[in-house]
Amino acid sequence: MSDVPTYTCGQCHYNFNHGAHVCQGCRGTIVYGATQREVSEAQKLWGFSFGLIALIGFHTIPMYLNSSFNWSLPTGTDILP
């Protein structure tokens, strides 16, 4: 029994051992892990998500604190000129 992990090609379903660079079934290039494009897309998605959550937080958290504790914190719309 071999300790080398085996994988299956997503295109042709050919089984290959870890370390292979070309699929023997479809002759496609084997990439381990995420490609640069996938990493870039994930970074864009996380950046957009964080920005959206931050914008919502800057508006709703002060509104909640103002209504719950009778404070007068500026909300996101009060800060803008």
N, C-alpha and C. Protein backbone atom coordinates (compact mmCIF):
# COMPACT_ATOMS: atom_id res chain seq x y z
N MET A 1 0.84 -1.18 0.00
CA MET A 1 0.00 0.00 0.00
C MET A 1 0.89 1.24 0.00
N SER A 2 0.58 2.19 -0.84
CA SER A 2 1.40 3.39 -1.01
C SER A 2 0.93 4.50 -0.07
N ASP A 3 1.90 5.31 0.41
CA ASP A 3 1.59 6.46 1.25
C ASP A 3 1.35 7.72 0.43
N VAL A 4 1.51 7.64 -0.88
CA VAL A 4 1.31 8.79 -1.75
C VAL A 4 -0.18 8.97 -1.99
N PRO A 5 -0.72 10.17 -1.68
CA PRO A 5 -2.16 10.38 -1.90
C PRO A 5 -2.50 10.41 -3.38
N THR A 6 -3.68 9.92 -3.70
CA THR A 6 -4.15 9.95 -5.09
C THR A 6 -5.29 10.95 -5.22
N TYR A 7 -5.40 11.54 -6.37
CA TYR A 7 -6.43 12.52 -6.68
C TYR A 7 -7.14 12.12 -7.96
N THR A 8 -8.26 12.75 -8.22
CA THR A 8 -9.03 12.50 -9.42
C THR A 8 -9.13 13.78 -10.23
N CYS A 9 -8.87 13.69 -11.51
CA CYS A 9 -8.96 14.85 -12.41
C CYS A 9 -10.41 15.32 -12.46
N GLY A 10 -10.61 16.61 -12.35
CA GLY A 10 -11.95 17.18 -12.40
C GLY A 10 -12.54 17.19 -13.80
N GLN A 11 -11.70 17.03 -14.82
CA GLN A 11 -12.18 17.06 -16.20
C GLN A 11 -12.54 15.66 -16.73
N CYS A 12 -11.58 14.71 -16.57
CA CYS A 12 -11.78 13.39 -17.17
C CYS A 12 -11.92 12.28 -16.14
N HIS A 13 -11.77 12.59 -14.85
CA HIS A 13 -11.90 11.64 -13.75
C HIS A 13 -10.82 10.57 -13.74
N TYR A 14 -9.67 10.88 -14.30
CA TYR A 14 -8.52 9.97 -14.27
C TYR A 14 -7.85 10.09 -12.90
N ASN A 15 -7.47 8.97 -12.29
CA ASN A 15 -6.78 8.98 -11.00
C ASN A 15 -5.29 9.17 -11.21
N PHE A 16 -4.67 10.04 -10.39
CA PHE A 16 -3.23 10.27 -10.48
C PHE A 16 -2.66 10.46 -9.09
N ASN A 17 -1.36 10.22 -8.96
CA ASN A 17 -0.67 10.39 -7.69
C ASN A 17 -0.27 11.84 -7.48
N HIS A 18 -0.14 12.21 -6.20
CA HIS A 18 0.32 13.55 -5.87
C HIS A 18 1.72 13.78 -6.45
N GLY A 19 1.92 14.92 -7.02
CA GLY A 19 3.21 15.24 -7.63
C GLY A 19 3.17 15.26 -9.14
N ALA A 20 2.10 14.72 -9.72
CA ALA A 20 1.98 14.74 -11.18
C ALA A 20 1.72 16.17 -11.64
N HIS A 21 2.22 16.48 -12.83
CA HIS A 21 2.04 17.84 -13.37
C HIS A 21 1.11 17.86 -14.58
N VAL A 22 0.92 16.70 -15.21
CA VAL A 22 0.04 16.61 -16.38
C VAL A 22 -0.85 15.39 -16.20
N CYS A 23 -2.15 15.56 -16.42
CA CYS A 23 -3.09 14.45 -16.33
C CYS A 23 -2.84 13.50 -17.50
N GLN A 24 -2.73 12.22 -17.22
CA GLN A 24 -2.49 11.23 -18.27
C GLN A 24 -3.76 10.93 -19.07
N GLY A 25 -4.92 11.29 -18.52
CA GLY A 25 -6.19 11.03 -19.22
C GLY A 25 -6.51 12.09 -20.26
N CYS A 26 -6.49 13.35 -19.86
CA CYS A 26 -6.90 14.43 -20.77
C CYS A 26 -5.74 15.35 -21.15
N ARG A 27 -4.56 15.10 -20.61
CA ARG A 27 -3.35 15.89 -20.87
C ARG A 27 -3.46 17.33 -20.38
N GLY A 28 -4.34 17.57 -19.40
CA GLY A 28 -4.49 18.89 -18.83
C GLY A 28 -3.43 19.15 -17.77
N THR A 29 -3.12 20.42 -17.54
CA THR A 29 -2.16 20.80 -16.51
C THR A 29 -2.80 20.64 -15.14
N ILE A 30 -2.08 20.00 -14.23
CA ILE A 30 -2.57 19.79 -12.87
C ILE A 30 -2.07 20.93 -12.00
N VAL A 31 -2.99 21.59 -11.31
CA VAL A 31 -2.66 22.69 -10.41
C VAL A 31 -3.07 22.29 -9.01
N TYR A 32 -2.13 22.34 -8.06
CA TYR A 32 -2.42 22.01 -6.67
C TYR A 32 -2.74 23.30 -5.93
N GLY A 33 -3.86 23.32 -5.21
CA GLY A 33 -4.26 24.51 -4.50
C GLY A 33 -4.99 25.47 -5.42
N ALA A 34 -5.20 26.67 -4.93
CA ALA A 34 -5.93 27.69 -5.68
C ALA A 34 -5.02 28.34 -6.72
N THR A 35 -5.59 28.67 -7.87
CA THR A 35 -4.85 29.39 -8.89
C THR A 35 -4.77 30.87 -8.49
N GLN A 36 -3.93 31.62 -9.16
CA GLN A 36 -3.79 33.05 -8.86
C GLN A 36 -5.10 33.78 -9.10
N ARG A 37 -5.84 33.38 -10.12
CA ARG A 37 -7.13 34.01 -10.41
C ARG A 37 -8.13 33.72 -9.29
N GLU A 38 -8.16 32.49 -8.79
CA GLU A 38 -9.06 32.15 -7.69
C GLU A 38 -8.72 32.92 -6.43
N VAL A 39 -7.43 33.09 -6.15
CA VAL A 39 -7.00 33.86 -4.98
C VAL A 39 -7.43 35.31 -5.13
N SER A 40 -7.25 35.87 -6.32
CA SER A 40 -7.63 37.26 -6.57
C SER A 40 -9.14 37.46 -6.41
N GLU A 41 -9.93 36.54 -6.94
CA GLU A 41 -11.39 36.65 -6.82
C GLU A 41 -11.82 36.54 -5.35
N ALA A 42 -11.19 35.66 -4.59
CA ALA A 42 -11.53 35.51 -3.18
C ALA A 42 -11.18 36.78 -2.41
N GLN A 43 -10.05 37.41 -2.72
CA GLN A 43 -9.67 38.65 -2.06
C GLN A 43 -10.66 39.76 -2.37
N LYS A 44 -11.11 39.84 -3.61
CA LYS A 44 -12.10 40.86 -3.98
C LYS A 44 -13.41 40.64 -3.23
N LEU A 45 -13.84 39.39 -3.14
CA LEU A 45 -15.10 39.08 -2.46
C LEU A 45 -15.00 39.42 -0.98
N TRP A 46 -13.90 39.04 -0.31
CA TRP A 46 -13.73 39.34 1.11
C TRP A 46 -13.63 40.84 1.33
N GLY A 47 -12.94 41.55 0.46
CA GLY A 47 -12.82 43.00 0.59
C GLY A 47 -14.16 43.69 0.45
N PHE A 48 -14.94 43.27 -0.53
CA PHE A 48 -16.28 43.85 -0.71
C PHE A 48 -17.17 43.54 0.49
N SER A 49 -17.12 42.30 0.96
CA SER A 49 -17.95 41.90 2.11
C SER A 49 -17.58 42.69 3.36
N PHE A 50 -16.28 42.83 3.62
CA PHE A 50 -15.84 43.59 4.78
C PHE A 50 -16.26 45.05 4.67
N GLY A 51 -16.12 45.63 3.50
CA GLY A 51 -16.53 47.02 3.30
C GLY A 51 -18.02 47.22 3.51
N LEU A 52 -18.82 46.30 3.02
CA LEU A 52 -20.26 46.40 3.19
C LEU A 52 -20.65 46.27 4.66
N ILE A 53 -20.05 45.32 5.35
CA ILE A 53 -20.34 45.15 6.77
C ILE A 53 -19.90 46.38 7.56
N ALA A 54 -18.74 46.95 7.20
CA ALA A 54 -18.27 48.15 7.90
C ALA A 54 -19.21 49.33 7.67
N LEU A 55 -19.68 49.50 6.45
CA LEU A 55 -20.61 50.60 6.17
C LEU A 55 -21.91 50.43 6.94
N ILE A 56 -22.42 49.22 6.98
CA ILE A 56 -23.65 48.97 7.73
C ILE A 56 -23.40 49.21 9.22
N GLY A 57 -22.24 48.75 9.71
CA GLY A 57 -21.91 48.93 11.12
C GLY A 57 -21.78 50.38 11.53
N PHE A 58 -21.19 51.21 10.67
CA PHE A 58 -21.02 52.62 10.99
C PHE A 58 -22.36 53.35 11.06
N HIS A 59 -23.37 52.78 10.47
CA HIS A 59 -24.69 53.41 10.50
C HIS A 59 -25.57 52.81 11.59
N THR A 60 -25.63 51.49 11.69
CA THR A 60 -26.59 50.87 12.59
C THR A 60 -26.12 50.80 14.04
N ILE A 61 -24.84 50.61 14.28
CA ILE A 61 -24.37 50.53 15.67
C ILE A 61 -24.59 51.84 16.41
N PRO A 62 -24.22 53.00 15.85
CA PRO A 62 -24.54 54.25 16.56
C PRO A 62 -26.05 54.47 16.73
N MET A 63 -26.84 54.08 15.75
CA MET A 63 -28.29 54.23 15.89
C MET A 63 -28.80 53.38 17.04
N TYR A 64 -28.31 52.14 17.16
CA TYR A 64 -28.72 51.27 18.26
C TYR A 64 -28.30 51.84 19.61
N LEU A 65 -27.07 52.31 19.71
CA LEU A 65 -26.59 52.88 20.97
C LEU A 65 -27.35 54.15 21.33
N ASN A 66 -27.67 54.96 20.33
CA ASN A 66 -28.44 56.19 20.58
C ASN A 66 -29.83 55.86 21.12
N SER A 67 -30.49 54.87 20.52
CA SER A 67 -31.86 54.55 20.95
C SER A 67 -31.87 53.77 22.26
N SER A 68 -30.88 52.93 22.49
CA SER A 68 -30.88 52.10 23.70
C SER A 68 -30.42 52.85 24.94
N PHE A 69 -29.41 53.68 24.78
CA PHE A 69 -28.81 54.34 25.94
C PHE A 69 -29.03 55.84 25.96
N ASN A 70 -29.81 56.33 25.02
CA ASN A 70 -30.12 57.75 24.94
C ASN A 70 -28.87 58.60 24.74
N TRP A 71 -27.93 58.06 23.97
CA TRP A 71 -26.70 58.78 23.66
C TRP A 71 -26.93 59.63 22.43
N SER A 72 -25.94 60.45 22.08
CA SER A 72 -26.05 61.27 20.86
C SER A 72 -24.82 61.07 19.99
N LEU A 73 -24.54 59.82 19.65
CA LEU A 73 -23.43 59.54 18.74
C LEU A 73 -23.83 59.88 17.31
N PRO A 74 -22.91 60.40 16.51
CA PRO A 74 -23.26 60.66 15.11
C PRO A 74 -23.36 59.35 14.34
N THR A 75 -24.36 59.24 13.50
CA THR A 75 -24.49 58.05 12.65
C THR A 75 -23.73 58.30 11.37
N GLY A 76 -23.70 57.29 10.51
CA GLY A 76 -22.96 57.42 9.25
C GLY A 76 -23.44 58.56 8.39
N THR A 77 -24.73 58.87 8.42
CA THR A 77 -25.25 59.97 7.61
C THR A 77 -24.99 61.32 8.25
N ASP A 78 -24.78 61.37 9.55
CA ASP A 78 -24.52 62.64 10.24
C ASP A 78 -23.08 63.10 10.03
N ILE A 79 -22.18 62.17 9.72
CA ILE A 79 -20.77 62.49 9.57
C ILE A 79 -20.50 63.14 8.22
N LEU A 80 -21.24 62.73 7.20
CA LEU A 80 -21.02 63.24 5.85
C LEU A 80 -21.44 64.70 5.76
N PRO A 81 -20.72 65.50 4.94
CA PRO A 81 -21.09 66.92 4.80
C PRO A 81 -22.39 67.11 4.04
